[in-house]
């Protein structure tokens, strides 16, 4: 015996209703991550120069400098007329160079002595020559500069020369006295000059030669 048929119900949708009202605003979202630093802008124009500052106070005076020259005796510079070689052949010994009176106060001074000396060609046949040039303060012999020349053999050694030498020394000088350079026998003085300085603050004892 068959069951009776089941009735089928058909549901038909109705029309769409109107849009409902908006819901409430949601909470604020979290802050985002900071972005990368942008590129540096161009350098602005140079600002105006500021006002000049106040001048500082004058510093403490420094120590005095080294002593300068206090006297110069120009003397004589060898200046022969005619051939120089002829002048050498006619050299005369025992000459005196008078540099003039000492104008500054008496005391000990540092001197720089320049000497021009000559050697005769030896036409007189002397194989050796010994001489000295002595610095005088009036009649006081202050320093002797000693010289010697020798030659060997009997011929072919007749040379004559003119040379310059300089020396530093400390010595006493007397105001008003003549400063002189005196040549001994066999010593040929061509010229000379002397410069005088204050004594230096430090002076070592005489050295040794070994």
N, C-alpha and C. Protein backbone atom coordinates (compact mmCIF):
# COMPACT_ATOMS: atom_id res chain seq x y z
N UNK A 1 0.85 -1.16 0.00
CA UNK A 1 0.00 0.00 0.00
C UNK A 1 0.88 1.21 0.00
N UNK A 2 0.65 2.08 -0.88
CA UNK A 2 1.52 3.26 -1.07
C UNK A 2 1.10 4.36 -0.12
N UNK A 3 2.25 5.15 0.29
CA UNK A 3 1.99 6.30 1.17
C UNK A 3 1.46 7.44 0.36
N UNK A 4 0.72 8.27 0.99
CA UNK A 4 0.18 9.41 0.24
C UNK A 4 1.29 10.40 -0.09
N UNK A 5 1.23 11.16 -1.11
CA UNK A 5 2.27 12.11 -1.51
C UNK A 5 2.41 13.21 -0.47
N UNK A 6 3.73 13.66 -0.30
CA UNK A 6 4.04 14.74 0.67
C UNK A 6 3.86 16.06 -0.03
N UNK A 7 3.15 16.91 0.54
CA UNK A 7 2.94 18.19 -0.14
C UNK A 7 4.24 19.03 -0.13
N UNK A 8 4.55 19.77 -1.15
CA UNK A 8 5.76 20.62 -1.30
C UNK A 8 5.36 22.06 -1.08
N UNK A 9 6.09 22.67 -0.10
CA UNK A 9 5.78 24.07 0.20
C UNK A 9 6.80 24.95 -0.50
N UNK A 10 6.40 25.86 -1.30
CA UNK A 10 7.30 26.77 -2.03
C UNK A 10 7.35 28.09 -1.29
N UNK A 11 8.65 28.53 -0.91
CA UNK A 11 8.81 29.80 -0.19
C UNK A 11 9.27 30.86 -1.19
N UNK A 12 8.57 31.89 -1.27
CA UNK A 12 8.91 32.97 -2.20
C UNK A 12 9.44 34.15 -1.38
N UNK A 13 10.75 34.66 -1.69
CA UNK A 13 11.34 35.78 -0.93
C UNK A 13 10.60 37.05 -1.21
N UNK A 14 10.47 37.82 -0.16
CA UNK A 14 9.83 39.10 -0.30
C UNK A 14 10.81 40.15 -0.77
N UNK A 15 10.40 41.30 -1.01
CA UNK A 15 11.32 42.39 -1.45
C UNK A 15 12.32 42.75 -0.34
N UNK A 16 13.60 43.30 -0.76
CA UNK A 16 14.66 43.67 0.22
C UNK A 16 14.20 44.87 1.01
N UNK A 17 14.41 44.75 2.28
CA UNK A 17 14.02 45.86 3.13
C UNK A 17 15.01 47.02 3.04
N UNK A 18 14.68 48.14 3.58
CA UNK A 18 15.59 49.33 3.56
C UNK A 18 16.88 49.07 4.35
N UNK A 19 17.97 49.89 3.99
CA UNK A 19 19.27 49.75 4.67
C UNK A 19 19.14 50.18 6.11
N UNK A 20 19.72 49.38 6.96
CA UNK A 20 19.62 49.73 8.37
C UNK A 20 20.56 50.89 8.72
N UNK A 21 20.42 51.46 9.88
CA UNK A 21 21.28 52.60 10.29
C UNK A 21 22.75 52.16 10.47
N UNK A 22 23.68 53.19 10.32
CA UNK A 22 25.12 52.86 10.48
C UNK A 22 25.40 52.48 11.91
N UNK A 23 26.31 51.56 12.04
CA UNK A 23 26.71 51.17 13.38
C UNK A 23 27.61 52.22 14.03
N UNK A 24 27.85 52.13 15.27
CA UNK A 24 28.71 53.13 15.96
C UNK A 24 30.17 53.04 15.44
N UNK A 25 30.92 54.23 15.54
CA UNK A 25 32.33 54.29 15.08
C UNK A 25 33.18 53.41 15.96
N UNK A 26 34.08 52.70 15.32
CA UNK A 26 34.94 51.82 16.08
C UNK A 26 36.05 52.60 16.82
N UNK A 27 36.77 51.97 17.69
CA UNK A 27 37.85 52.66 18.44
C UNK A 27 38.99 53.11 17.51
N UNK A 28 39.79 54.19 17.96
CA UNK A 28 40.93 54.71 17.18
C UNK A 28 42.00 53.64 17.06
N UNK A 29 42.52 53.52 15.88
CA UNK A 29 43.57 52.53 15.67
C UNK A 29 44.90 52.95 16.31
N UNK A 30 45.83 52.02 16.46
CA UNK A 30 47.15 52.32 17.04
C UNK A 30 47.95 53.26 16.13
N UNK A 31 48.90 54.09 16.79
CA UNK A 31 49.75 55.02 16.02
C UNK A 31 50.69 54.22 15.13
N UNK A 32 50.86 54.68 13.90
CA UNK A 32 51.74 53.99 12.97
C UNK A 32 53.22 54.23 13.27
N UNK A 33 54.13 53.47 12.69
CA UNK A 33 55.58 53.62 12.87
C UNK A 33 56.06 54.91 12.19
N UNK A 34 57.06 55.65 12.88
CA UNK A 34 57.61 56.88 12.31
C UNK A 34 58.34 56.60 11.00
N UNK A 35 58.13 57.40 10.04
CA UNK A 35 58.76 57.20 8.75
C UNK A 35 60.24 57.59 8.77
N UNK A 36 61.01 57.27 7.76
CA UNK A 36 62.44 57.60 7.67
C UNK A 36 62.64 59.11 7.55
N UNK A 37 63.83 59.60 8.10
CA UNK A 37 64.15 61.02 8.03
C UNK A 37 64.35 61.44 6.58
N UNK A 38 63.82 62.55 6.24
CA UNK A 38 63.96 63.04 4.88
C UNK A 38 65.36 63.61 4.63
N UNK A 39 65.68 63.89 3.38
CA UNK A 39 66.99 64.43 3.02
C UNK A 39 67.16 65.83 3.61
N UNK A 40 68.46 66.19 3.97
CA UNK A 40 68.75 67.51 4.53
C UNK A 40 68.45 68.59 3.51
N UNK A 41 67.92 69.67 4.00
CA UNK A 41 67.64 70.78 3.11
C UNK A 41 68.91 71.52 2.74
N UNK A 42 68.85 72.42 1.78
CA UNK A 42 70.03 73.19 1.35
C UNK A 42 70.46 74.15 2.47
N UNK A 43 71.81 74.43 2.56
CA UNK A 43 72.34 75.35 3.56
C UNK A 43 71.80 76.75 3.30
N UNK A 44 71.39 77.38 4.36
CA UNK A 44 70.85 78.72 4.23
C UNK A 44 71.95 79.73 3.97
N UNK A 45 71.60 80.96 3.62
CA UNK A 45 72.61 81.99 3.37
C UNK A 45 73.38 82.34 4.63
N UNK A 46 74.64 82.83 4.47
CA UNK A 46 75.49 83.20 5.59
C UNK A 46 74.89 84.38 6.35
N UNK A 47 74.86 84.24 7.65
CA UNK A 47 74.29 85.30 8.47
C UNK A 47 75.23 86.49 8.54
N UNK A 48 74.77 87.62 9.02
CA UNK A 48 75.61 88.82 9.13
C UNK A 48 76.72 88.62 10.16
N UNK A 49 77.87 89.34 9.98
CA UNK A 49 78.99 89.26 10.92
C UNK A 49 78.59 89.90 12.23
N UNK A 50 78.96 89.24 13.31
CA UNK A 50 78.61 89.76 14.63
C UNK A 50 79.42 91.00 14.98
N UNK A 51 79.05 91.64 16.05
CA UNK A 51 79.76 92.82 16.51
C UNK A 51 81.16 92.46 16.98
N UNK A 52 82.11 93.41 16.85
CA UNK A 52 83.48 93.18 17.30
C UNK A 52 83.53 93.08 18.82
N UNK A 53 84.29 92.07 19.28
CA UNK A 53 84.40 91.90 20.72
C UNK A 53 85.29 92.95 21.36
N UNK A 54 85.30 92.98 22.66
CA UNK A 54 86.10 93.94 23.41
C UNK A 54 87.58 93.54 23.33
N UNK A 55 88.47 94.53 23.13
CA UNK A 55 89.91 94.25 23.08
C UNK A 55 90.40 93.74 24.42
N UNK A 56 91.21 92.66 24.37
CA UNK A 56 91.72 92.10 25.60
C UNK A 56 92.79 92.98 26.23
N UNK A 57 93.10 92.68 27.47
CA UNK A 57 94.11 93.46 28.19
C UNK A 57 95.50 93.16 27.65
N UNK A 58 96.42 94.11 27.74
CA UNK A 58 97.81 93.93 27.29
C UNK A 58 98.50 92.89 28.16
N UNK A 59 99.22 91.97 27.50
CA UNK A 59 99.92 90.93 28.24
C UNK A 59 101.14 91.45 28.98
N UNK A 60 101.69 90.58 29.78
CA UNK A 60 102.88 90.93 30.56
C UNK A 60 104.07 91.09 29.62
N UNK A 61 104.92 92.07 29.88
CA UNK A 61 106.09 92.31 29.04
C UNK A 61 107.04 91.13 29.10
N UNK A 62 107.54 90.72 27.95
CA UNK A 62 108.46 89.60 27.89
C UNK A 62 109.86 89.99 28.36
N UNK A 63 110.72 89.00 28.54
CA UNK A 63 112.09 89.29 28.98
C UNK A 63 112.87 90.04 27.92
N UNK A 64 113.91 90.72 28.33
CA UNK A 64 114.75 91.47 27.40
C UNK A 64 115.45 90.53 26.44
N UNK A 65 115.65 90.97 25.22
CA UNK A 65 116.34 90.15 24.23
C UNK A 65 117.84 90.15 24.45
N UNK A 66 118.54 89.42 23.58
CA UNK A 66 119.99 89.31 23.70
C UNK A 66 120.65 90.67 23.44
N UNK A 67 121.78 90.86 24.05
CA UNK A 67 122.49 92.13 23.88
C UNK A 67 122.92 92.30 22.42
N UNK A 68 122.81 93.51 21.93
CA UNK A 68 123.22 93.78 20.57
C UNK A 68 124.65 94.32 20.56
N UNK A 69 125.17 94.51 19.34
CA UNK A 69 126.52 95.05 19.21
C UNK A 69 126.56 96.45 19.82
N UNK A 70 127.62 96.73 20.56
CA UNK A 70 127.74 98.05 21.18
C UNK A 70 128.88 98.87 20.58
N UNK A 71 129.71 98.25 19.75
CA UNK A 71 130.81 99.00 19.13
C UNK A 71 131.30 98.30 17.89
N UNK A 72 131.62 99.09 16.87
CA UNK A 72 132.17 98.53 15.62
C UNK A 72 133.35 99.39 15.19
N UNK A 73 134.48 98.73 14.99
CA UNK A 73 135.71 99.40 14.55
C UNK A 73 135.99 98.92 13.12
N UNK A 74 135.65 99.72 12.10
CA UNK A 74 135.74 99.25 10.71
C UNK A 74 137.15 98.97 10.22
N UNK A 75 138.15 99.63 10.80
CA UNK A 75 139.52 99.32 10.45
C UNK A 75 139.85 99.51 8.98
N UNK A 76 140.51 98.51 8.41
CA UNK A 76 141.00 98.58 7.03
C UNK A 76 140.68 97.26 6.32
N UNK A 77 140.25 97.36 5.08
CA UNK A 77 140.07 96.20 4.21
C UNK A 77 141.11 96.28 3.10
N UNK A 78 141.85 95.22 2.90
CA UNK A 78 142.94 95.21 1.91
C UNK A 78 142.41 95.55 0.53
N UNK A 79 142.96 96.56 -0.08
CA UNK A 79 142.50 97.00 -1.40
C UNK A 79 143.69 97.55 -2.18
N UNK A 80 144.59 96.67 -2.62
CA UNK A 80 145.80 97.14 -3.29
C UNK A 80 145.50 97.73 -4.66
N UNK A 81 146.32 98.66 -5.05
CA UNK A 81 146.23 99.19 -6.41
C UNK A 81 147.23 98.42 -7.28
N UNK A 82 146.89 98.26 -8.51
CA UNK A 82 147.77 97.49 -9.39
C UNK A 82 147.59 96.01 -9.16
N UNK A 83 148.46 95.19 -9.72
CA UNK A 83 148.36 93.73 -9.57
C UNK A 83 148.45 93.31 -8.10
N UNK A 84 147.54 92.46 -7.64
CA UNK A 84 147.56 91.99 -6.26
C UNK A 84 148.83 91.20 -5.97
N UNK A 85 149.29 90.46 -6.97
CA UNK A 85 150.50 89.67 -6.76
C UNK A 85 151.71 90.55 -6.50
N UNK A 86 151.76 91.70 -7.15
CA UNK A 86 152.85 92.64 -6.88
C UNK A 86 152.79 93.14 -5.45
N UNK A 87 151.55 93.40 -4.96
CA UNK A 87 151.39 93.83 -3.57
C UNK A 87 151.86 92.76 -2.61
N UNK A 88 151.61 91.50 -2.93
CA UNK A 88 152.07 90.40 -2.06
C UNK A 88 153.59 90.34 -2.01
N UNK A 89 154.20 90.54 -3.14
CA UNK A 89 155.67 90.47 -3.19
C UNK A 89 156.31 91.59 -2.40
N UNK A 90 155.58 92.70 -2.20
CA UNK A 90 156.14 93.86 -1.51
C UNK A 90 155.60 94.03 -0.09
N UNK A 91 155.09 92.95 0.51
CA UNK A 91 154.53 93.05 1.87
C UNK A 91 155.60 93.49 2.86
N UNK A 92 155.14 94.24 3.88
CA UNK A 92 156.02 94.73 4.93
C UNK A 92 155.52 94.22 6.28
N UNK A 93 156.43 93.73 7.12
CA UNK A 93 156.02 93.24 8.43
C UNK A 93 156.05 94.36 9.46
N UNK A 94 155.66 94.03 10.67
CA UNK A 94 155.67 94.94 11.82
C UNK A 94 154.78 96.18 11.61
N UNK A 95 153.68 96.00 10.91
CA UNK A 95 152.73 97.10 10.75
C UNK A 95 151.76 97.16 11.94
N UNK A 96 151.21 98.34 12.20
CA UNK A 96 150.23 98.54 13.27
C UNK A 96 148.94 99.08 12.68
N UNK A 97 147.82 98.44 13.02
CA UNK A 97 146.50 98.91 12.60
C UNK A 97 145.85 99.57 13.82
N UNK A 98 145.71 100.89 13.77
CA UNK A 98 145.07 101.61 14.88
C UNK A 98 143.59 101.75 14.54
N UNK A 99 142.74 101.13 15.38
CA UNK A 99 141.30 101.12 15.14
C UNK A 99 140.58 102.29 15.78
N UNK A 100 141.30 103.11 16.55
CA UNK A 100 140.68 104.27 17.18
C UNK A 100 140.40 104.06 18.65
N UNK A 101 139.98 105.15 19.30
CA UNK A 101 139.74 105.12 20.74
C UNK A 101 138.49 104.31 21.08
N UNK A 102 138.52 103.67 22.23
CA UNK A 102 137.38 102.88 22.72
C UNK A 102 136.36 103.84 23.33
N UNK A 103 135.15 103.94 22.76
CA UNK A 103 134.20 104.96 23.21
C UNK A 103 133.30 104.54 24.38
N UNK A 104 133.16 103.26 24.65
CA UNK A 104 132.23 102.80 25.67
C UNK A 104 132.94 102.56 27.00
N UNK A 105 132.17 102.28 28.03
CA UNK A 105 132.69 102.15 29.39
C UNK A 105 133.68 101.01 29.52
N UNK A 106 134.63 101.15 30.41
CA UNK A 106 135.62 100.09 30.66
C UNK A 106 134.94 98.86 31.23
N UNK A 107 135.45 97.69 30.87
CA UNK A 107 134.89 96.44 31.37
C UNK A 107 135.28 95.27 30.48
N UNK A 108 134.67 94.12 30.74
CA UNK A 108 134.94 92.93 29.94
C UNK A 108 133.90 92.84 28.83
N UNK A 109 134.37 92.52 27.62
CA UNK A 109 133.50 92.48 26.45
C UNK A 109 133.78 91.24 25.61
N UNK A 110 132.77 90.90 24.80
CA UNK A 110 132.93 89.85 23.80
C UNK A 110 133.32 90.52 22.49
N UNK A 111 134.47 90.09 21.92
CA UNK A 111 134.96 90.70 20.68
C UNK A 111 134.94 89.68 19.54
N UNK A 112 134.63 90.19 18.36
CA UNK A 112 134.79 89.42 17.13
C UNK A 112 135.85 90.12 16.30
N UNK A 113 136.98 89.45 16.10
CA UNK A 113 138.13 90.05 15.42
C UNK A 113 138.28 89.41 14.04
N UNK A 114 138.34 90.25 13.03
CA UNK A 114 138.59 89.80 11.66
C UNK A 114 139.98 90.28 11.25
N UNK A 115 140.80 89.35 10.74
CA UNK A 115 142.15 89.69 10.30
C UNK A 115 142.33 89.30 8.84
N UNK A 116 142.98 90.17 8.09
CA UNK A 116 143.46 89.83 6.76
C UNK A 116 144.98 89.81 6.84
N UNK A 117 145.56 88.65 6.55
CA UNK A 117 147.01 88.52 6.64
C UNK A 117 147.55 88.04 5.30
N UNK A 118 148.84 88.26 5.09
CA UNK A 118 149.47 87.84 3.85
C UNK A 118 150.76 87.09 4.12
N UNK A 119 151.11 86.27 3.16
CA UNK A 119 152.42 85.60 3.20
C UNK A 119 153.21 86.08 1.99
N UNK A 120 154.41 86.54 2.25
CA UNK A 120 155.31 86.93 1.18
C UNK A 120 155.71 85.69 0.38
N UNK A 121 155.90 85.82 -0.94
CA UNK A 121 156.27 84.66 -1.74
C UNK A 121 157.57 83.98 -1.31
N UNK A 122 158.34 84.58 -0.42
CA UNK A 122 159.56 83.92 0.04
C UNK A 122 160.76 84.18 -0.84
N UNK A 123 160.77 85.33 -1.52
CA UNK A 123 161.90 85.65 -2.39
C UNK A 123 163.20 85.80 -1.62
N UNK A 124 163.08 86.06 -0.31
CA UNK A 124 164.30 86.22 0.50
C UNK A 124 164.91 84.88 0.91
N UNK A 125 164.24 83.79 0.58
CA UNK A 125 164.82 82.48 0.82
C UNK A 125 164.49 81.85 2.16
N UNK A 126 163.64 82.47 2.97
CA UNK A 126 163.32 81.88 4.27
C UNK A 126 162.38 80.68 4.09
N UNK A 127 162.77 79.56 4.68
CA UNK A 127 161.94 78.37 4.60
C UNK A 127 160.84 78.36 5.65
N UNK A 128 161.03 79.06 6.75
CA UNK A 128 160.02 79.11 7.80
C UNK A 128 159.74 80.56 8.17
N UNK A 129 158.51 80.81 8.55
CA UNK A 129 158.13 82.14 9.01
C UNK A 129 157.26 81.98 10.24
N UNK A 130 157.57 82.75 11.27
CA UNK A 130 156.82 82.72 12.51
C UNK A 130 156.42 84.15 12.85
N UNK A 131 155.17 84.34 13.17
CA UNK A 131 154.72 85.70 13.47
C UNK A 131 153.50 85.69 14.36
N UNK A 132 153.14 86.86 14.82
CA UNK A 132 151.95 87.01 15.66
C UNK A 132 151.32 88.36 15.40
N UNK A 133 150.01 88.41 15.62
CA UNK A 133 149.25 89.64 15.55
C UNK A 133 148.65 89.85 16.93
N UNK A 134 149.00 90.94 17.57
CA UNK A 134 148.62 91.15 18.97
C UNK A 134 147.58 92.26 19.06
N UNK A 135 146.49 91.97 19.79
CA UNK A 135 145.44 92.95 20.03
C UNK A 135 145.81 93.75 21.28
N UNK A 136 145.93 95.07 21.12
CA UNK A 136 146.32 95.94 22.23
C UNK A 136 145.15 96.85 22.61
N UNK A 137 145.00 97.02 23.93
CA UNK A 137 144.12 98.03 24.52
C UNK A 137 145.05 99.05 25.16
N UNK A 138 145.34 100.14 24.41
CA UNK A 138 146.39 101.05 24.86
C UNK A 138 147.73 100.34 24.81
N UNK A 139 148.39 100.22 25.96
CA UNK A 139 149.66 99.48 26.03
C UNK A 139 149.46 98.08 26.60
N UNK A 140 148.23 97.69 26.82
CA UNK A 140 147.92 96.37 27.38
C UNK A 140 147.71 95.36 26.26
N UNK A 141 148.58 94.35 26.19
CA UNK A 141 148.43 93.28 25.20
C UNK A 141 147.32 92.34 25.68
N UNK A 142 146.21 92.33 24.97
CA UNK A 142 145.06 91.55 25.42
C UNK A 142 145.01 90.15 24.83
N UNK A 143 145.44 89.98 23.57
CA UNK A 143 145.39 88.67 22.94
C UNK A 143 146.36 88.62 21.77
N UNK A 144 147.10 87.52 21.67
CA UNK A 144 148.02 87.29 20.55
C UNK A 144 147.46 86.19 19.65
N UNK A 145 147.46 86.44 18.36
CA UNK A 145 147.06 85.44 17.37
C UNK A 145 148.34 85.02 16.65
N UNK A 146 148.74 83.78 16.85
CA UNK A 146 150.05 83.33 16.39
C UNK A 146 149.93 82.55 15.09
N UNK A 147 150.99 82.73 14.23
CA UNK A 147 150.98 82.15 12.90
C UNK A 147 152.34 81.56 12.57
N UNK A 148 152.32 80.57 11.72
CA UNK A 148 153.58 80.01 11.25
C UNK A 148 153.41 79.41 9.87
N UNK A 149 154.47 79.45 9.10
CA UNK A 149 154.46 78.81 7.78
C UNK A 149 155.82 78.20 7.55
N UNK A 150 155.82 77.02 6.97
CA UNK A 150 157.10 76.39 6.64
C UNK A 150 156.99 75.76 5.27
N UNK A 151 158.15 75.63 4.63
CA UNK A 151 158.19 74.97 3.34
C UNK A 151 159.37 74.02 3.36
N UNK A 152 159.27 72.98 2.59
CA UNK A 152 160.34 72.00 2.51
C UNK A 152 160.92 72.01 1.12
N UNK A 153 162.15 71.58 1.00
CA UNK A 153 162.82 71.59 -0.29
C UNK A 153 163.48 72.93 -0.54
N UNK A 154 164.33 72.97 -1.53
CA UNK A 154 165.12 74.18 -1.78
C UNK A 154 164.57 75.01 -2.93
N UNK A 155 163.72 74.44 -3.77
CA UNK A 155 163.21 75.20 -4.92
C UNK A 155 161.73 74.92 -5.11
N UNK A 156 161.10 75.81 -5.87
CA UNK A 156 159.72 75.56 -6.29
C UNK A 156 158.68 75.78 -5.23
N UNK A 157 158.98 76.54 -4.16
CA UNK A 157 157.99 76.72 -3.10
C UNK A 157 157.79 78.20 -2.77
N UNK A 158 157.87 79.05 -3.74
CA UNK A 158 157.77 80.48 -3.49
C UNK A 158 156.36 81.02 -3.64
N UNK A 159 155.38 80.47 -2.88
CA UNK A 159 154.00 80.90 -3.01
C UNK A 159 153.67 82.01 -2.01
N UNK A 160 152.89 82.99 -2.45
CA UNK A 160 152.41 84.04 -1.55
C UNK A 160 150.89 84.05 -1.56
N UNK A 161 150.28 84.33 -0.41
CA UNK A 161 148.82 84.31 -0.30
C UNK A 161 148.32 85.48 0.53
N UNK A 162 147.04 85.81 0.35
CA UNK A 162 146.32 86.75 1.21
C UNK A 162 145.07 86.03 1.69
N UNK A 163 144.88 85.98 3.00
CA UNK A 163 143.77 85.22 3.57
C UNK A 163 143.10 86.00 4.69
N UNK A 164 141.84 85.62 4.98
CA UNK A 164 141.09 86.23 6.08
C UNK A 164 140.78 85.19 7.14
N UNK A 165 140.84 85.62 8.39
CA UNK A 165 140.54 84.75 9.53
C UNK A 165 139.71 85.54 10.53
N UNK A 166 138.88 84.84 11.29
CA UNK A 166 138.09 85.51 12.31
C UNK A 166 138.17 84.75 13.63
N UNK A 167 137.99 85.49 14.73
CA UNK A 167 138.11 84.92 16.07
C UNK A 167 137.07 85.57 16.98
N UNK A 168 136.60 84.81 17.97
CA UNK A 168 135.77 85.32 19.05
C UNK A 168 136.57 85.20 20.35
N UNK A 169 136.52 86.21 21.19
CA UNK A 169 137.19 86.15 22.48
C UNK A 169 136.56 87.13 23.44
N UNK A 170 136.75 86.92 24.73
CA UNK A 170 136.34 87.89 25.75
C UNK A 170 137.61 88.50 26.36
N UNK A 171 137.56 89.80 26.57
CA UNK A 171 138.73 90.47 27.12
C UNK A 171 138.32 91.78 27.77
N UNK A 172 139.22 92.34 28.58
CA UNK A 172 139.00 93.64 29.19
C UNK A 172 139.36 94.74 28.20
N UNK A 173 138.60 95.82 28.22
CA UNK A 173 138.88 96.99 27.41
C UNK A 173 138.76 98.23 28.29
N UNK A 174 139.54 99.26 27.95
CA UNK A 174 139.58 100.48 28.75
C UNK A 174 139.09 101.66 27.93
N UNK A 175 138.08 102.33 28.43
CA UNK A 175 137.52 103.48 27.72
C UNK A 175 138.59 104.55 27.50
N UNK A 176 138.65 105.07 26.29
CA UNK A 176 139.62 106.11 25.95
C UNK A 176 140.91 105.60 25.36
N UNK A 177 141.26 104.33 25.62
CA UNK A 177 142.48 103.77 25.03
C UNK A 177 142.28 103.47 23.56
N UNK A 178 143.38 103.53 22.80
CA UNK A 178 143.32 103.13 21.40
C UNK A 178 143.31 101.61 21.31
N UNK A 179 142.44 101.09 20.45
CA UNK A 179 142.40 99.66 20.17
C UNK A 179 143.26 99.42 18.94
N UNK A 180 144.29 98.57 19.07
CA UNK A 180 145.25 98.39 17.98
C UNK A 180 145.52 96.90 17.74
N UNK A 181 145.91 96.60 16.50
CA UNK A 181 146.42 95.28 16.15
C UNK A 181 147.83 95.49 15.62
N UNK A 182 148.80 94.84 16.28
CA UNK A 182 150.22 95.06 15.96
C UNK A 182 150.81 93.76 15.43
N UNK A 183 151.46 93.84 14.27
CA UNK A 183 152.09 92.66 13.67
C UNK A 183 153.55 92.58 14.11
N UNK A 184 154.00 91.35 14.40
CA UNK A 184 155.39 91.15 14.77
C UNK A 184 156.24 91.01 13.51
N UNK A 185 157.51 90.75 13.69
CA UNK A 185 158.37 90.47 12.53
C UNK A 185 157.87 89.19 11.86
N UNK A 186 158.05 89.12 10.57
CA UNK A 186 157.63 87.99 9.74
C UNK A 186 156.11 87.81 9.71
N UNK A 187 155.37 88.82 10.17
CA UNK A 187 153.91 88.76 10.12
C UNK A 187 153.40 89.93 9.30
N UNK A 188 152.62 89.65 8.25
CA UNK A 188 152.19 90.66 7.30
C UNK A 188 150.70 90.93 7.49
N UNK A 189 150.38 92.10 8.02
CA UNK A 189 149.01 92.49 8.30
C UNK A 189 148.46 93.30 7.13
N UNK A 190 147.36 92.82 6.52
CA UNK A 190 146.76 93.51 5.38
C UNK A 190 145.55 94.35 5.78
N UNK A 191 144.81 93.90 6.77
CA UNK A 191 143.62 94.62 7.20
C UNK A 191 143.00 93.96 8.40
N UNK A 192 141.99 94.58 8.95
CA UNK A 192 141.32 94.02 10.11
C UNK A 192 140.15 94.86 10.56
N UNK A 193 139.22 94.23 11.27
CA UNK A 193 138.05 94.88 11.85
C UNK A 193 137.75 94.24 13.19
N UNK A 194 137.10 94.99 14.09
CA UNK A 194 136.72 94.47 15.40
C UNK A 194 135.29 94.91 15.71
N UNK A 195 134.48 93.96 16.20
CA UNK A 195 133.13 94.26 16.68
C UNK A 195 133.07 93.92 18.16
N UNK A 196 132.40 94.76 18.96
CA UNK A 196 132.32 94.55 20.41
C UNK A 196 130.88 94.33 20.83
N UNK A 197 130.68 93.35 21.72
CA UNK A 197 129.36 93.00 22.24
C UNK A 197 129.41 92.96 23.76
N UNK A 198 128.25 93.10 24.39
CA UNK A 198 128.19 92.91 25.84
C UNK A 198 128.57 91.46 26.16
N UNK A 199 129.15 91.26 27.33
CA UNK A 199 129.56 89.92 27.72
C UNK A 199 128.32 89.03 27.83
N UNK A 200 128.33 87.82 27.30
CA UNK A 200 127.14 86.96 27.37
C UNK A 200 126.88 86.51 28.81
N UNK A 201 125.62 86.16 29.14
CA UNK A 201 125.31 85.76 30.51
C UNK A 201 125.97 84.45 30.92
N UNK A 202 126.32 83.61 29.97
CA UNK A 202 126.96 82.34 30.28
C UNK A 202 128.29 82.26 29.53
N UNK A 203 129.32 81.92 30.26
CA UNK A 203 130.65 81.83 29.67
C UNK A 203 131.35 80.62 30.28
N UNK A 204 131.63 79.64 29.46
CA UNK A 204 132.32 78.44 29.93
C UNK A 204 133.82 78.73 30.12
N UNK A 205 134.45 77.83 30.86
CA UNK A 205 135.89 77.92 31.02
C UNK A 205 136.57 77.56 29.69
N UNK A 206 137.84 77.86 29.59
CA UNK A 206 138.58 77.55 28.36
C UNK A 206 138.51 76.06 28.07
N UNK A 207 138.45 75.73 26.78
CA UNK A 207 138.37 74.33 26.38
C UNK A 207 139.75 73.68 26.36
N UNK A 208 139.76 72.40 26.03
CA UNK A 208 141.00 71.64 25.91
C UNK A 208 141.05 70.99 24.54
N UNK A 209 142.24 70.84 24.02
CA UNK A 209 142.45 70.21 22.73
C UNK A 209 143.27 68.95 22.96
N UNK A 210 142.75 67.81 22.58
CA UNK A 210 143.47 66.56 22.84
C UNK A 210 143.36 65.65 21.63
